[in-house]
Amino acid sequence: MATKYSAQWSKGGNTEGIALFSDKVPHDVLVDFVDSVWANCADDISYVNVIDMDTGEVIHDRDSWDEPDTEDWPDMSQYNEDCGFDPYMGCYTDDC
C-alpha cells in the first residue's frame, strides 16, 4: 500500500497539505472528501483539491470560482431577446 493522493487547501493565502490517501482509496471517496471539506470550511479557504502525487493530476478540486455570488447579478426577468445590437445596421434592432 502506497501513499498516492495528497489533499491541499489554501487558507489565508497559504497552501497547506491536509491529508494523504492510499492508492486503494476509491475515486468517489476522494471526490466526497473534497466536497465535504469545501462545504464545511468554505468561509476560511479559497480552494481545496486532491492530486495524484505520481502524475501531478488534479483528481478533484473546488474553489471560489465554483459558486459565483449571484446577489450582484442583474434581474433577467425583464430581458427581451428581441432587443439587440445589429452590427450591420450600427444600431439596436428594436427600441425597447
N, C-alpha and C. Protein backbone atom coordinates (compact mmCIF):
# COMPACT_ATOMS: atom_id res chain seq x y z
N MET A 1 0.86 -1.18 0.00
CA MET A 1 0.00 0.00 0.00
C MET A 1 0.90 1.23 0.00
N ALA A 2 0.64 2.11 -0.94
CA ALA A 2 1.46 3.32 -1.06
C ALA A 2 0.60 4.56 -0.93
N THR A 3 1.19 5.61 -0.41
CA THR A 3 0.51 6.89 -0.36
C THR A 3 0.59 7.50 -1.75
N LYS A 4 -0.58 7.70 -2.35
CA LYS A 4 -0.62 8.17 -3.73
C LYS A 4 -1.27 9.53 -3.89
N TYR A 5 -2.23 9.86 -3.04
CA TYR A 5 -3.01 11.08 -3.20
C TYR A 5 -2.74 12.05 -2.05
N SER A 6 -2.70 13.33 -2.37
CA SER A 6 -2.48 14.37 -1.38
C SER A 6 -3.59 15.40 -1.50
N ALA A 7 -4.16 15.77 -0.36
CA ALA A 7 -5.18 16.82 -0.33
C ALA A 7 -4.55 18.10 0.18
N GLN A 8 -4.93 19.22 -0.42
CA GLN A 8 -4.40 20.52 -0.05
C GLN A 8 -5.54 21.53 0.00
N TRP A 9 -5.28 22.61 0.74
CA TRP A 9 -6.19 23.74 0.67
C TRP A 9 -5.39 25.02 0.78
N SER A 10 -6.01 26.10 0.37
CA SER A 10 -5.40 27.41 0.50
C SER A 10 -6.19 28.16 1.55
N LYS A 11 -5.52 28.50 2.62
CA LYS A 11 -6.16 29.19 3.73
C LYS A 11 -5.32 30.42 4.06
N GLY A 12 -5.92 31.59 3.97
CA GLY A 12 -5.20 32.82 4.24
C GLY A 12 -4.06 33.07 3.27
N GLY A 13 -4.18 32.56 2.04
CA GLY A 13 -3.16 32.75 1.03
C GLY A 13 -2.03 31.74 1.09
N ASN A 14 -2.06 30.84 2.07
CA ASN A 14 -1.03 29.82 2.20
C ASN A 14 -1.59 28.45 1.84
N THR A 15 -0.88 27.73 0.99
CA THR A 15 -1.29 26.37 0.63
C THR A 15 -0.72 25.40 1.65
N GLU A 16 -1.60 24.53 2.16
CA GLU A 16 -1.21 23.56 3.18
C GLU A 16 -1.70 22.19 2.80
N GLY A 17 -0.91 21.18 3.06
CA GLY A 17 -1.36 19.81 2.92
C GLY A 17 -2.25 19.46 4.09
N ILE A 18 -3.38 18.81 3.82
CA ILE A 18 -4.31 18.50 4.90
C ILE A 18 -4.57 17.00 5.07
N ALA A 19 -4.23 16.18 4.05
CA ALA A 19 -4.48 14.74 4.17
C ALA A 19 -3.68 13.98 3.11
N LEU A 20 -3.36 12.74 3.43
CA LEU A 20 -2.75 11.82 2.48
C LEU A 20 -3.63 10.59 2.38
N PHE A 21 -3.72 10.03 1.17
CA PHE A 21 -4.58 8.87 0.94
C PHE A 21 -3.80 7.77 0.24
N SER A 22 -4.18 6.56 0.54
CA SER A 22 -3.59 5.37 -0.08
C SER A 22 -4.06 5.25 -1.53
N ASP A 23 -3.30 4.47 -2.31
CA ASP A 23 -3.70 4.20 -3.69
C ASP A 23 -4.94 3.30 -3.75
N LYS A 24 -5.34 2.75 -2.63
CA LYS A 24 -6.52 1.88 -2.58
C LYS A 24 -7.83 2.64 -2.35
N VAL A 25 -7.74 3.94 -2.07
CA VAL A 25 -8.94 4.74 -1.83
C VAL A 25 -9.64 4.98 -3.16
N PRO A 26 -10.95 4.66 -3.24
CA PRO A 26 -11.69 4.86 -4.48
C PRO A 26 -11.83 6.35 -4.85
N HIS A 27 -11.91 6.61 -6.14
CA HIS A 27 -12.06 7.97 -6.66
C HIS A 27 -13.25 8.69 -6.03
N ASP A 28 -14.38 7.99 -5.88
CA ASP A 28 -15.58 8.61 -5.32
C ASP A 28 -15.35 9.12 -3.91
N VAL A 29 -14.54 8.42 -3.14
CA VAL A 29 -14.24 8.85 -1.77
C VAL A 29 -13.42 10.13 -1.78
N LEU A 30 -12.49 10.25 -2.71
CA LEU A 30 -11.70 11.46 -2.83
C LEU A 30 -12.57 12.65 -3.21
N VAL A 31 -13.49 12.44 -4.13
CA VAL A 31 -14.43 13.50 -4.54
C VAL A 31 -15.28 13.91 -3.35
N ASP A 32 -15.81 12.94 -2.61
CA ASP A 32 -16.64 13.24 -1.44
C ASP A 32 -15.85 14.00 -0.38
N PHE A 33 -14.58 13.64 -0.20
CA PHE A 33 -13.73 14.33 0.77
C PHE A 33 -13.59 15.81 0.41
N VAL A 34 -13.24 16.09 -0.83
CA VAL A 34 -13.07 17.47 -1.28
C VAL A 34 -14.37 18.25 -1.12
N ASP A 35 -15.48 17.66 -1.54
CA ASP A 35 -16.77 18.35 -1.44
C ASP A 35 -17.16 18.60 0.01
N SER A 36 -16.86 17.66 0.89
CA SER A 36 -17.18 17.80 2.30
C SER A 36 -16.34 18.90 2.96
N VAL A 37 -15.05 18.91 2.67
CA VAL A 37 -14.19 19.97 3.22
C VAL A 37 -14.66 21.32 2.72
N TRP A 38 -14.98 21.41 1.42
CA TRP A 38 -15.43 22.68 0.85
C TRP A 38 -16.73 23.14 1.51
N ALA A 39 -17.66 22.24 1.71
CA ALA A 39 -18.96 22.59 2.29
C ALA A 39 -18.84 23.03 3.74
N ASN A 40 -17.90 22.48 4.46
CA ASN A 40 -17.79 22.77 5.89
C ASN A 40 -16.77 23.84 6.24
N CYS A 41 -15.92 24.21 5.31
CA CYS A 41 -14.85 25.18 5.61
C CYS A 41 -14.76 26.29 4.58
N ALA A 42 -15.74 26.45 3.72
CA ALA A 42 -15.64 27.38 2.58
C ALA A 42 -15.44 28.83 3.00
N ASP A 43 -15.84 29.20 4.21
CA ASP A 43 -15.65 30.58 4.65
C ASP A 43 -14.18 30.91 4.86
N ASP A 44 -13.39 29.91 5.19
CA ASP A 44 -12.00 30.14 5.54
C ASP A 44 -11.01 29.82 4.41
N ILE A 45 -11.44 29.07 3.40
CA ILE A 45 -10.50 28.62 2.39
C ILE A 45 -10.89 29.14 1.00
N SER A 46 -9.89 29.25 0.12
CA SER A 46 -10.19 29.70 -1.24
C SER A 46 -10.21 28.53 -2.22
N TYR A 47 -9.55 27.41 -1.89
CA TYR A 47 -9.69 26.21 -2.70
C TYR A 47 -9.24 24.99 -1.90
N VAL A 48 -9.71 23.84 -2.34
CA VAL A 48 -9.28 22.55 -1.79
C VAL A 48 -9.20 21.58 -2.96
N ASN A 49 -8.17 20.71 -2.95
CA ASN A 49 -8.05 19.75 -4.03
C ASN A 49 -7.39 18.47 -3.55
N VAL A 50 -7.47 17.45 -4.38
CA VAL A 50 -6.74 16.19 -4.19
C VAL A 50 -5.97 15.95 -5.47
N ILE A 51 -4.68 15.70 -5.33
CA ILE A 51 -3.84 15.45 -6.51
C ILE A 51 -3.20 14.07 -6.42
N ASP A 52 -2.93 13.51 -7.58
CA ASP A 52 -2.18 12.26 -7.69
C ASP A 52 -0.70 12.64 -7.60
N MET A 53 -0.02 12.19 -6.56
CA MET A 53 1.37 12.60 -6.35
C MET A 53 2.33 11.99 -7.37
N ASP A 54 1.93 10.92 -8.05
CA ASP A 54 2.79 10.32 -9.07
C ASP A 54 2.77 11.11 -10.37
N THR A 55 1.58 11.57 -10.76
CA THR A 55 1.43 12.23 -12.06
C THR A 55 1.22 13.75 -11.96
N GLY A 56 0.83 14.24 -10.79
CA GLY A 56 0.52 15.66 -10.62
C GLY A 56 -0.88 16.01 -11.07
N GLU A 57 -1.65 15.01 -11.51
CA GLU A 57 -3.01 15.22 -11.99
C GLU A 57 -3.93 15.62 -10.83
N VAL A 58 -4.77 16.63 -11.07
CA VAL A 58 -5.76 17.01 -10.07
C VAL A 58 -6.93 16.04 -10.19
N ILE A 59 -7.19 15.31 -9.13
CA ILE A 59 -8.27 14.32 -9.12
C ILE A 59 -9.62 15.02 -9.00
N HIS A 60 -9.70 15.98 -8.08
CA HIS A 60 -10.93 16.75 -7.90
C HIS A 60 -10.56 18.02 -7.14
N ASP A 61 -11.20 19.13 -7.49
CA ASP A 61 -10.95 20.37 -6.77
C ASP A 61 -12.20 21.21 -6.69
N ARG A 62 -12.19 22.10 -5.72
CA ARG A 62 -13.26 23.09 -5.56
C ARG A 62 -12.57 24.40 -5.25
N ASP A 63 -13.10 25.49 -5.80
CA ASP A 63 -12.54 26.80 -5.48
C ASP A 63 -13.63 27.85 -5.49
N SER A 64 -13.24 29.07 -5.18
CA SER A 64 -14.21 30.15 -5.06
C SER A 64 -14.88 30.49 -6.37
N TRP A 65 -14.35 30.01 -7.51
CA TRP A 65 -14.99 30.25 -8.81
C TRP A 65 -16.14 29.30 -9.06
N ASP A 66 -16.26 28.23 -8.25
CA ASP A 66 -17.30 27.23 -8.47
C ASP A 66 -18.70 27.76 -8.20
N GLU A 67 -18.82 28.65 -7.22
CA GLU A 67 -20.13 29.14 -6.81
C GLU A 67 -20.14 30.66 -6.89
N PRO A 68 -20.49 31.21 -8.04
CA PRO A 68 -20.47 32.66 -8.17
C PRO A 68 -21.50 33.33 -7.27
N ASP A 69 -21.17 34.50 -6.80
CA ASP A 69 -22.08 35.27 -5.97
C ASP A 69 -23.14 35.88 -6.87
N THR A 70 -24.37 35.40 -6.76
CA THR A 70 -25.44 35.84 -7.65
C THR A 70 -26.17 37.07 -7.14
N GLU A 71 -25.82 37.58 -5.97
CA GLU A 71 -26.52 38.75 -5.43
C GLU A 71 -26.36 39.97 -6.33
N ASP A 72 -25.19 40.13 -6.96
CA ASP A 72 -24.93 41.31 -7.78
C ASP A 72 -25.34 41.15 -9.23
N TRP A 73 -25.85 39.99 -9.59
CA TRP A 73 -26.25 39.78 -10.98
C TRP A 73 -27.52 40.56 -11.28
N PRO A 74 -27.66 41.06 -12.50
CA PRO A 74 -28.87 41.81 -12.84
C PRO A 74 -30.10 40.91 -12.92
N ASP A 75 -31.24 41.55 -12.71
CA ASP A 75 -32.51 40.83 -12.80
C ASP A 75 -32.81 40.57 -14.27
N MET A 76 -32.80 39.30 -14.66
CA MET A 76 -33.00 38.94 -16.06
C MET A 76 -34.47 38.67 -16.39
N SER A 77 -35.38 38.88 -15.45
CA SER A 77 -36.79 38.61 -15.72
C SER A 77 -37.37 39.57 -16.75
N GLN A 78 -36.76 40.74 -16.89
CA GLN A 78 -37.24 41.72 -17.86
C GLN A 78 -36.47 41.70 -19.17
N TYR A 79 -35.61 40.71 -19.34
CA TYR A 79 -34.78 40.61 -20.53
C TYR A 79 -35.63 40.30 -21.76
N ASN A 80 -35.41 41.02 -22.84
CA ASN A 80 -36.16 40.83 -24.08
C ASN A 80 -35.16 40.40 -25.16
N GLU A 81 -35.29 39.18 -25.63
CA GLU A 81 -34.36 38.66 -26.63
C GLU A 81 -34.45 39.39 -27.97
N ASP A 82 -35.56 40.07 -28.23
CA ASP A 82 -35.73 40.78 -29.49
C ASP A 82 -34.91 42.07 -29.54
N CYS A 83 -34.47 42.54 -28.40
CA CYS A 83 -33.63 43.74 -28.36
C CYS A 83 -32.18 43.31 -28.49
N GLY A 84 -31.48 43.94 -29.37
CA GLY A 84 -30.07 43.60 -29.53
C GLY A 84 -29.40 44.51 -30.51
N PHE A 85 -28.13 44.60 -30.40
CA PHE A 85 -27.36 45.47 -31.27
C PHE A 85 -27.10 44.76 -32.59
N ASP A 86 -27.42 45.40 -33.69
CA ASP A 86 -27.18 44.87 -35.02
C ASP A 86 -25.91 45.50 -35.57
N PRO A 87 -24.83 44.72 -35.67
CA PRO A 87 -23.56 45.32 -36.11
C PRO A 87 -23.60 45.80 -37.56
N TYR A 88 -24.48 45.24 -38.38
CA TYR A 88 -24.57 45.66 -39.78
C TYR A 88 -25.26 47.01 -39.90
N MET A 89 -26.29 47.23 -39.09
CA MET A 89 -27.02 48.49 -39.12
C MET A 89 -26.35 49.54 -38.25
N GLY A 90 -25.60 49.09 -37.25
CA GLY A 90 -24.95 50.04 -36.34
C GLY A 90 -25.88 50.59 -35.30
N CYS A 91 -26.97 49.88 -35.05
CA CYS A 91 -27.93 50.33 -34.05
C CYS A 91 -28.64 49.12 -33.46
N TYR A 92 -29.50 49.39 -32.49
CA TYR A 92 -30.29 48.31 -31.91
C TYR A 92 -31.47 48.00 -32.82
N THR A 93 -31.81 46.73 -32.95
CA THR A 93 -32.84 46.31 -33.89
C THR A 93 -34.25 46.60 -33.39
N ASP A 94 -34.43 46.77 -32.12
CA ASP A 94 -35.75 47.00 -31.58
C ASP A 94 -35.61 48.02 -30.45
N ASP A 95 -36.38 49.06 -30.48
CA ASP A 95 -36.32 50.08 -29.45
C ASP A 95 -37.16 49.62 -28.27
N CYS A 96 -36.49 49.19 -27.22
CA CYS A 96 -37.21 48.64 -26.05
C CYS A 96 -37.44 49.73 -25.08
